[in-house]
Amino acid sequence: MILALEAMKNNPYLTIRAAAKLYEVPRTTLQTRCAGVQSRRDIPANSTKLTLIEETVLLETILDLDTRGFQARLADVVAMADRLRIDRHASRVGTRWAERFVKRHPELTTRFRRRIDYQRAQYEDPTVVNAWFQLVRNVVVKYGICDEDIYNFDETEFLMGILSSVKVVTSSERRGRPRTKQPGNREWVTVI
């Protein structure tokens, strides 16, 4: 299509029908492009709900919440978009708008998050973890424990009363499932 348009621009005697046949493009499409109508792929959608500035602010807010450990659910993204539209007296966004918003922005993705107790999250500080491993090294050296006498075990836990994970919007650069901190006022069951 681009080559046909360039050929018509360079040769004023070349007709639309001849250029369409020569470059094997639809004549009606070439005719509309000559009239100045752009391709749907090259123009933004007419039904864009948020302005470019509003989308940028919403994207930055979602990424900021994600870095703080408070990932937004799709319903939260819809609520934020609705709040922006209400401020300029516009109607609300649709039910599937948040999913399309995430697809439009490669920086975002949806994942199921994992809940973690707030007190447990505090102990994920690298200095605390390194101090614990240093303590283990000291105990091994102090008592002369051999490597073959050290065994490994794994554990998992789940929170009583919480049945499922929630789908959240998070950064696409994140590794693994995002975790949400919550108050530790529920009973944990640990499986070793």
C-alpha atoms as a PDB file:
ATOM      1  CA  MET A   1       0.000   0.000   0.000  1.00  0.00           C
ATOM      2  CA  ILE A   2       2.814   2.392   0.910  1.00  0.00           C
ATOM      3  CA  LEU A   3       4.665   1.615  -2.323  1.00  0.00           C
ATOM      4  CA  ALA A   4       1.505   2.203  -4.362  1.00  0.00           C
ATOM      5  CA  LEU A   5       0.937   5.576  -2.668  1.00  0.00           C
ATOM      6  CA  GLU A   6       4.562   6.604  -3.263  1.00  0.00           C
ATOM      7  CA  ALA A   7       4.358   5.543  -6.919  1.00  0.00           C
ATOM      8  CA  MET A   8       1.220   7.636  -7.411  1.00  0.00           C
ATOM      9  CA  LYS A   9       2.876  10.600  -5.729  1.00  0.00           C
ATOM     10  CA  ASN A  10       5.963  10.354  -7.962  1.00  0.00           C
ATOM     11  CA  ASN A  11       4.023   9.701 -11.192  1.00  0.00           C
ATOM     12  CA  PRO A  12       0.986  11.974 -11.588  1.00  0.00           C
ATOM     13  CA  TYR A  13      -0.176  10.004 -14.666  1.00  0.00           C
ATOM     14  CA  LEU A  14      -0.527   6.734 -12.716  1.00  0.00           C
ATOM     15  CA  THR A  15      -4.190   6.078 -11.957  1.00  0.00           C
ATOM     16  CA  ILE A  16      -5.532   4.465  -8.817  1.00  0.00           C
ATOM     17  CA  ARG A  17      -6.757   1.444 -10.790  1.00  0.00           C
ATOM     18  CA  ALA A  18      -3.358   0.936 -12.480  1.00  0.00           C
ATOM     19  CA  ALA A  19      -1.425   1.367  -9.193  1.00  0.00           C
ATOM     20  CA  ALA A  20      -3.734  -1.088  -7.413  1.00  0.00           C
ATOM     21  CA  LYS A  21      -3.240  -3.655 -10.154  1.00  0.00           C
ATOM     22  CA  LEU A  22       0.533  -3.078 -10.342  1.00  0.00           C
ATOM     23  CA  TYR A  23       1.102  -3.393  -6.567  1.00  0.00           C
ATOM     24  CA  GLU A  24      -1.647  -5.988  -6.007  1.00  0.00           C
ATOM     25  CA  VAL A  25      -3.599  -4.031  -3.396  1.00  0.00           C
ATOM     26  CA  PRO A  26      -7.371  -3.491  -3.169  1.00  0.00           C
ATOM     27  CA  ARG A  27      -8.433  -0.548  -5.347  1.00  0.00           C
ATOM     28  CA  THR A  28     -11.006   0.733  -2.848  1.00  0.00           C
ATOM     29  CA  THR A  29      -8.489   0.710  -0.004  1.00  0.00           C
ATOM     30  CA  LEU A  30      -5.943   2.580  -2.119  1.00  0.00           C
ATOM     31  CA  GLN A  31      -8.644   5.076  -3.064  1.00  0.00           C
ATOM     32  CA  THR A  32      -9.499   5.766   0.598  1.00  0.00           C
ATOM     33  CA  ARG A  33      -5.793   6.138   1.478  1.00  0.00           C
ATOM     34  CA  CYS A  34      -5.411   8.667  -1.362  1.00  0.00           C
ATOM     35  CA  ALA A  35      -8.376  10.561   0.097  1.00  0.00           C
ATOM     36  CA  GLY A  36      -6.423  10.894   3.378  1.00  0.00           C
ATOM     37  CA  VAL A  37      -8.187   8.256   5.475  1.00  0.00           C
ATOM     38  CA  GLN A  38      -5.704   6.444   7.702  1.00  0.00           C
ATOM     39  CA  SER A  39      -5.592   2.746   8.449  1.00  0.00           C
ATOM     40  CA  ARG A  40      -7.369   1.596  11.624  1.00  0.00           C
ATOM     41  CA  ARG A  41      -4.067   0.163  12.827  1.00  0.00           C
ATOM     42  CA  ASP A  42      -2.392   3.588  12.572  1.00  0.00           C
ATOM     43  CA  ILE A  43      -4.955   5.610  14.512  1.00  0.00           C
ATOM     44  CA  PRO A  44      -5.990   5.318  18.170  1.00  0.00           C
ATOM     45  CA  ALA A  45      -9.383   3.836  18.870  1.00  0.00           C
ATOM     46  CA  ASN A  46     -12.300   6.238  18.809  1.00  0.00           C
ATOM     47  CA  SER A  47     -13.638   4.673  21.975  1.00  0.00           C
ATOM     48  CA  THR A  48     -10.550   5.332  24.116  1.00  0.00           C
ATOM     49  CA  LYS A  49     -11.879   5.832  27.604  1.00  0.00           C
ATOM     50  CA  LEU A  50      -8.913   7.635  29.207  1.00  0.00           C
ATOM     51  CA  THR A  51      -6.682  10.355  27.848  1.00  0.00           C
ATOM     52  CA  LEU A  52      -2.982   9.641  27.346  1.00  0.00           C
ATOM     53  CA  ILE A  53      -2.103  11.546  30.543  1.00  0.00           C
ATOM     54  CA  GLU A  54      -4.741   9.654  32.550  1.00  0.00           C
ATOM     55  CA  GLU A  55      -3.456   6.300  31.257  1.00  0.00           C
ATOM     56  CA  THR A  56       0.113   7.278  32.179  1.00  0.00           C
ATOM     57  CA  VAL A  57      -0.937   8.301  35.699  1.00  0.00           C
ATOM     58  CA  LEU A  58      -2.909   5.077  36.141  1.00  0.00           C
ATOM     59  CA  LEU A  59       0.020   2.968  34.908  1.00  0.00           C
ATOM     60  CA  GLU A  60       2.467   4.707  37.260  1.00  0.00           C
ATOM     61  CA  THR A  61       0.058   4.293  40.188  1.00  0.00           C
ATOM     62  CA  ILE A  62      -0.325   0.556  39.547  1.00  0.00           C
ATOM     63  CA  LEU A  63       3.453   0.051  39.309  1.00  0.00           C
ATOM     64  CA  ASP A  64       4.007   2.153  42.453  1.00  0.00           C
ATOM     65  CA  LEU A  65       1.467   0.087  44.401  1.00  0.00           C
ATOM     66  CA  ASP A  66       3.159  -3.091  43.157  1.00  0.00           C
ATOM     67  CA  THR A  67       6.590  -2.013  44.413  1.00  0.00           C
ATOM     68  CA  ARG A  68       5.065  -1.319  47.853  1.00  0.00           C
ATOM     69  CA  GLY A  69       3.507  -4.812  48.060  1.00  0.00           C
ATOM     70  CA  PHE A  70      -0.095  -3.722  47.472  1.00  0.00           C
ATOM     71  CA  GLN A  71      -0.975  -5.088  44.039  1.00  0.00           C
ATOM     72  CA  ALA A  72      -4.192  -3.792  42.525  1.00  0.00           C
ATOM     73  CA  ARG A  73      -6.938  -6.203  41.553  1.00  0.00           C
ATOM     74  CA  LEU A  74      -8.672  -5.722  38.199  1.00  0.00           C
ATOM     75  CA  ALA A  75     -11.639  -4.254  40.083  1.00  0.00           C
ATOM     76  CA  ASP A  76      -9.278  -1.724  41.698  1.00  0.00           C
ATOM     77  CA  VAL A  77      -7.972  -0.691  38.272  1.00  0.00           C
ATOM     78  CA  VAL A  78     -11.561  -0.188  37.092  1.00  0.00           C
ATOM     79  CA  ALA A  79     -12.317   1.884  40.215  1.00  0.00           C
ATOM     80  CA  MET A  80      -9.257   4.097  39.621  1.00  0.00           C
ATOM     81  CA  ALA A  81     -10.223   4.613  35.963  1.00  0.00           C
ATOM     82  CA  ASP A  82     -13.815   5.408  36.931  1.00  0.00           C
ATOM     83  CA  ARG A  83     -12.549   7.965  39.472  1.00  0.00           C
ATOM     84  CA  LEU A  84     -10.506   9.684  36.750  1.00  0.00           C
ATOM     85  CA  ARG A  85     -13.492   9.741  34.384  1.00  0.00           C
ATOM     86  CA  ILE A  86     -15.923  10.998  37.052  1.00  0.00           C
ATOM     87  CA  ASP A  87     -13.618  13.960  37.683  1.00  0.00           C
ATOM     88  CA  ARG A  88     -14.229  15.093  34.095  1.00  0.00           C
ATOM     89  CA  HIS A  89     -17.936  14.140  34.150  1.00  0.00           C
ATOM     90  CA  ALA A  90     -17.630  11.144  31.813  1.00  0.00           C
ATOM     91  CA  SER A  91     -19.323   7.764  32.011  1.00  0.00           C
ATOM     92  CA  ARG A  92     -17.747   4.739  33.684  1.00  0.00           C
ATOM     93  CA  VAL A  93     -15.484   2.262  31.900  1.00  0.00           C
ATOM     94  CA  GLY A  94     -16.793  -1.156  30.829  1.00  0.00           C
ATOM     95  CA  THR A  95     -16.520  -4.460  32.635  1.00  0.00           C
ATOM     96  CA  ARG A  96     -13.652  -5.808  30.484  1.00  0.00           C
ATOM     97  CA  TRP A  97     -11.802  -2.495  30.205  1.00  0.00           C
ATOM     98  CA  ALA A  98      -9.179  -3.359  32.843  1.00  0.00           C
ATOM     99  CA  GLU A  99      -8.189  -6.575  31.051  1.00  0.00           C
ATOM    100  CA  ARG A 100      -7.716  -4.676  27.783  1.00  0.00           C
ATOM    101  CA  PHE A 101      -5.762  -1.967  29.625  1.00  0.00           C
ATOM    102  CA  VAL A 102      -3.331  -4.598  30.945  1.00  0.00           C
ATOM    103  CA  LYS A 103      -2.952  -6.105  27.454  1.00  0.00           C
ATOM    104  CA  ARG A 104      -2.212  -2.658  25.963  1.00  0.00           C
ATOM    105  CA  HIS A 105       0.663  -2.069  28.382  1.00  0.00           C
ATOM    106  CA  PRO A 106       3.546  -4.561  28.173  1.00  0.00           C
ATOM    107  CA  GLU A 107       4.807  -3.334  31.567  1.00  0.00           C
ATOM    108  CA  LEU A 108       1.805  -4.977  33.225  1.00  0.00           C
ATOM    109  CA  THR A 109       0.570  -8.516  33.616  1.00  0.00           C
ATOM    110  CA  THR A 110      -1.970 -10.339  35.754  1.00  0.00           C
ATOM    111  CA  ARG A 111      -0.970 -13.056  38.206  1.00  0.00           C
ATOM    112  CA  PHE A 112      -2.427 -14.792  41.209  1.00  0.00           C
ATOM    113  CA  ARG A 113      -0.930 -13.405  44.393  1.00  0.00           C
ATOM    114  CA  ARG A 114       0.119 -15.258  47.497  1.00  0.00           C
ATOM    115  CA  ARG A 115      -0.771 -14.046  50.955  1.00  0.00           C
ATOM    116  CA  ILE A 116       1.981 -13.712  53.532  1.00  0.00           C
ATOM    117  CA  ASP A 117       1.838 -12.742  57.192  1.00  0.00           C
ATOM    118  CA  TYR A 118       3.128  -9.209  57.883  1.00  0.00           C
ATOM    119  CA  GLN A 119       5.527 -10.379  60.600  1.00  0.00           C
ATOM    120  CA  ARG A 120       6.965 -13.023  58.281  1.00  0.00           C
ATOM    121  CA  ALA A 121       7.495 -10.413  55.553  1.00  0.00           C
ATOM    122  CA  GLN A 122       9.563  -8.321  57.971  1.00  0.00           C
ATOM    123  CA  TYR A 123      12.045 -11.192  58.322  1.00  0.00           C
ATOM    124  CA  GLU A 124      12.718 -11.309  54.587  1.00  0.00           C
ATOM    125  CA  ASP A 125      15.202  -8.477  55.021  1.00  0.00           C
ATOM    126  CA  PRO A 126      18.577  -9.676  53.564  1.00  0.00           C
ATOM    127  CA  THR A 127      20.493  -8.483  56.636  1.00  0.00           C
ATOM    128  CA  VAL A 128      18.279 -10.556  58.943  1.00  0.00           C
ATOM    129  CA  VAL A 129      18.581 -13.643  56.703  1.00  0.00           C
ATOM    130  CA  ASN A 130      22.380 -13.259  56.419  1.00  0.00           C
ATOM    131  CA  ALA A 131      22.657 -12.895  60.201  1.00  0.00           C
ATOM    132  CA  TRP A 132      20.731 -16.153  60.649  1.00  0.00           C
ATOM    133  CA  PHE A 133      23.038 -18.035  58.251  1.00  0.00           C
ATOM    134  CA  GLN A 134      26.059 -16.601  60.061  1.00  0.00           C
ATOM    135  CA  LEU A 135      24.612 -17.910  63.341  1.00  0.00           C
ATOM    136  CA  VAL A 136      24.182 -21.387  61.769  1.00  0.00           C
ATOM    137  CA  ARG A 137      27.804 -21.311  60.527  1.00  0.00           C
ATOM    138  CA  ASN A 138      29.023 -20.384  64.015  1.00  0.00           C
ATOM    139  CA  VAL A 139      27.062 -23.232  65.634  1.00  0.00           C
ATOM    140  CA  VAL A 140      28.398 -25.750  63.072  1.00  0.00           C
ATOM    141  CA  VAL A 141      31.991 -24.637  63.732  1.00  0.00           C
ATOM    142  CA  LYS A 142      31.555 -24.415  67.528  1.00  0.00           C
ATOM    143  CA  TYR A 143      30.199 -27.949  67.928  1.00  0.00           C
ATOM    144  CA  GLY A 144      32.124 -29.540  65.031  1.00  0.00           C
ATOM    145  CA  ILE A 145      29.036 -30.707  63.158  1.00  0.00           C
ATOM    146  CA  CYS A 146      29.887 -32.620  59.970  1.00  0.00           C
ATOM    147  CA  ASP A 147      28.167 -31.778  56.676  1.00  0.00           C
ATOM    148  CA  GLU A 148      26.708 -35.306  56.425  1.00  0.00           C
ATOM    149  CA  ASP A 149      24.938 -34.743  59.758  1.00  0.00           C
ATOM    150  CA  ILE A 150      22.999 -31.733  58.427  1.00  0.00           C
ATOM    151  CA  TYR A 151      19.600 -32.529  56.904  1.00  0.00           C
ATOM    152  CA  ASN A 152      17.251 -30.399  54.863  1.00  0.00           C
ATOM    153  CA  PHE A 153      13.490 -30.194  55.140  1.00  0.00           C
ATOM    154  CA  ASP A 154      10.882 -28.125  53.417  1.00  0.00           C
ATOM    155  CA  GLU A 155       7.742 -26.579  54.767  1.00  0.00           C
ATOM    156  CA  THR A 156       4.626 -24.974  53.447  1.00  0.00           C
ATOM    157  CA  GLU A 157       1.797 -23.279  55.218  1.00  0.00           C
ATOM    158  CA  PHE A 158      -1.676 -22.063  54.551  1.00  0.00           C
ATOM    159  CA  LEU A 159      -3.887 -19.590  56.309  1.00  0.00           C
ATOM    160  CA  MET A 160      -7.059 -20.910  57.911  1.00  0.00           C
ATOM    161  CA  GLY A 161     -10.183 -19.209  56.605  1.00  0.00           C
ATOM    162  CA  ILE A 162      -8.607 -18.000  53.339  1.00  0.00           C
ATOM    163  CA  LEU A 163      -9.667 -20.280  50.504  1.00  0.00           C
ATOM    164  CA  SER A 164      -8.196 -18.899  47.303  1.00  0.00           C
ATOM    165  CA  SER A 165      -5.723 -16.519  45.785  1.00  0.00           C
ATOM    166  CA  VAL A 166      -6.741 -13.328  44.045  1.00  0.00           C
ATOM    167  CA  LYS A 167      -5.794 -12.254  40.528  1.00  0.00           C
ATOM    168  CA  VAL A 168      -3.872  -8.967  40.649  1.00  0.00           C
ATOM    169  CA  VAL A 169      -2.225  -6.564  38.212  1.00  0.00           C
ATOM    170  CA  THR A 170       1.540  -6.467  38.679  1.00  0.00           C
ATOM    171  CA  SER A 171       4.726  -5.524  36.880  1.00  0.00           C
ATOM    172  CA  SER A 172       5.611  -7.852  34.002  1.00  0.00           C
ATOM    173  CA  GLU A 173       9.251  -7.785  35.162  1.00  0.00           C
ATOM    174  CA  ARG A 174       8.368  -9.446  38.480  1.00  0.00           C
ATOM    175  CA  ARG A 175       9.670 -12.968  39.032  1.00  0.00           C
ATOM    176  CA  GLY A 176       7.339 -15.417  40.748  1.00  0.00           C
ATOM    177  CA  ARG A 177       3.986 -14.743  42.296  1.00  0.00           C
ATOM    178  CA  PRO A 178       3.419 -11.420  44.054  1.00  0.00           C
ATOM    179  CA  ARG A 179       2.776 -11.608  47.780  1.00  0.00           C
ATOM    180  CA  THR A 180       0.396  -9.499  49.790  1.00  0.00           C
ATOM    181  CA  LYS A 181       1.056  -8.642  53.406  1.00  0.00           C
ATOM    182  CA  GLN A 182      -1.819  -8.974  55.819  1.00  0.00           C
ATOM    183  CA  PRO A 183      -2.197  -8.753  59.576  1.00  0.00           C
ATOM    184  CA  GLY A 184      -1.245 -11.940  61.390  1.00  0.00           C
ATOM    185  CA  ASN A 185      -4.492 -12.404  63.290  1.00  0.00           C
ATOM    186  CA  ARG A 186      -5.380 -15.752  61.682  1.00  0.00           C
ATOM    187  CA  GLU A 187      -4.238 -19.279  62.387  1.00  0.00           C
ATOM    188  CA  TRP A 188      -1.508 -20.776  60.172  1.00  0.00           C
ATOM    189  CA  VAL A 189      -1.188 -24.510  59.517  1.00  0.00           C
ATOM    190  CA  THR A 190       2.365 -25.640  58.706  1.00  0.00           C
ATOM    191  CA  VAL A 191       3.102 -28.871  56.820  1.00  0.00           C
ATOM    192  CA  ILE A 192       6.659 -30.252  57.011  1.00  0.00           C
END
